[in-house]
């Protein structure tokens, strides 16, 4: 789940202006569907909703052979950065 949250959060950061907005993870869920004996796994994120104030990501965790290990969904809020005083 930590890898999925990192992938989805990084994805949202690439879609916003970080000088004007910040990304806040508000919900994550996942299903672990298999195990792996490989020593590497990869997270592949696909945005399924890109709104002005929210992003929803589907993240697939696969091993290096392409075997599906987990499927996760992450919702991020996109909020304005408060100006410094």
Protein backbone atom coordinates (compact mmCIF):
# COMPACT_ATOMS: atom_id res chain seq x y z
CA UNK A 1 0.00 0.00 0.00
CA UNK A 2 2.89 2.37 0.68
CA UNK A 3 4.21 1.91 -2.86
CA UNK A 4 0.73 2.53 -4.31
CA UNK A 5 0.33 5.73 -2.31
CA UNK A 6 3.74 6.93 -3.44
CA UNK A 7 2.92 6.22 -7.10
CA UNK A 8 -0.46 7.96 -7.01
CA UNK A 9 0.81 10.95 -5.04
CA UNK A 10 3.76 11.41 -7.39
CA UNK A 11 1.38 11.13 -10.33
CA UNK A 12 -0.84 13.89 -8.96
CA UNK A 13 2.20 16.09 -8.36
CA UNK A 14 3.07 15.86 -12.05
CA UNK A 15 -0.40 17.16 -12.97
CA UNK A 16 -0.53 20.27 -10.77
CA UNK A 17 1.46 23.45 -10.24
CA UNK A 18 3.10 22.77 -6.85
CA UNK A 19 3.60 26.49 -6.26
CA UNK A 20 -0.19 26.93 -6.23
CA UNK A 21 -1.57 23.57 -5.05
CA UNK A 22 -0.71 20.64 -2.81
CA UNK A 23 -1.73 16.99 -2.90
CA UNK A 24 -3.37 15.35 0.11
CA UNK A 25 -4.11 11.63 0.12
CA UNK A 26 -7.57 11.11 1.59
CA UNK A 27 -8.42 7.48 0.88
CA UNK A 28 -6.61 4.34 -0.17
CA UNK A 29 -7.87 0.80 -0.58
CA UNK A 30 -6.33 -2.29 -2.01
CA UNK A 31 -6.64 -5.96 -2.67
CA UNK A 32 -3.63 -8.24 -2.42
CA UNK A 33 -4.32 -10.98 -4.95
CA UNK A 34 -1.05 -12.90 -5.06
CA UNK A 35 2.39 -13.29 -3.57
CA UNK A 36 5.74 -13.20 -5.29
CA UNK A 37 9.19 -14.61 -4.70
CA UNK A 38 10.76 -11.95 -6.93
CA UNK A 39 12.93 -9.38 -5.19
CA UNK A 40 11.46 -6.44 -7.15
CA UNK A 41 7.93 -5.14 -7.61
CA UNK A 42 6.69 -2.23 -9.70
CA UNK A 43 3.80 0.19 -9.28
CA UNK A 44 1.95 1.32 -12.40
CA UNK A 45 -0.49 4.17 -11.86
CA UNK A 46 -3.36 5.14 -14.14
CA UNK A 47 -5.49 8.17 -13.44
CA UNK A 48 -9.19 7.35 -13.62
CA UNK A 49 -10.50 10.80 -12.60
CA UNK A 50 -8.75 14.16 -12.97
CA UNK A 51 -10.88 16.90 -11.49
CA UNK A 52 -10.03 20.39 -10.33
CA UNK A 53 -10.10 19.36 -6.67
CA UNK A 54 -9.62 15.58 -6.74
CA UNK A 55 -7.66 12.89 -8.52
CA UNK A 56 -8.46 9.17 -8.40
CA UNK A 57 -5.75 6.66 -9.31
CA UNK A 58 -5.73 2.94 -9.95
CA UNK A 59 -2.35 1.45 -9.10
CA UNK A 60 -1.32 -2.06 -10.11
CA UNK A 61 1.55 -3.67 -8.23
CA UNK A 62 3.28 -6.28 -10.37
CA UNK A 63 6.46 -8.29 -10.09
CA UNK A 64 9.14 -8.21 -12.78
CA UNK A 65 7.46 -11.06 -14.65
CA UNK A 66 4.25 -8.99 -14.95
CA UNK A 67 2.35 -11.06 -12.38
CA UNK A 68 -0.33 -9.00 -10.62
CA UNK A 69 0.32 -8.78 -6.88
CA UNK A 70 -2.05 -6.00 -5.73
CA UNK A 71 -4.62 -3.59 -7.10
CA UNK A 72 -5.09 -0.32 -5.24
CA UNK A 73 -7.22 2.80 -5.58
CA UNK A 74 -6.07 6.16 -4.22
CA UNK A 75 -8.05 9.39 -3.92
CA UNK A 76 -6.10 12.64 -3.63
CA UNK A 77 -7.50 16.06 -2.81
CA UNK A 78 -5.97 18.98 -4.67
CA UNK A 79 -6.00 22.02 -2.40
CA UNK A 80 -4.66 25.55 -2.85
CA UNK A 81 -1.46 26.44 -1.02
CA UNK A 82 -2.12 29.13 1.56
CA UNK A 83 -0.02 32.25 0.95
CA UNK A 84 2.74 32.92 3.44
CA UNK A 85 2.24 35.86 5.81
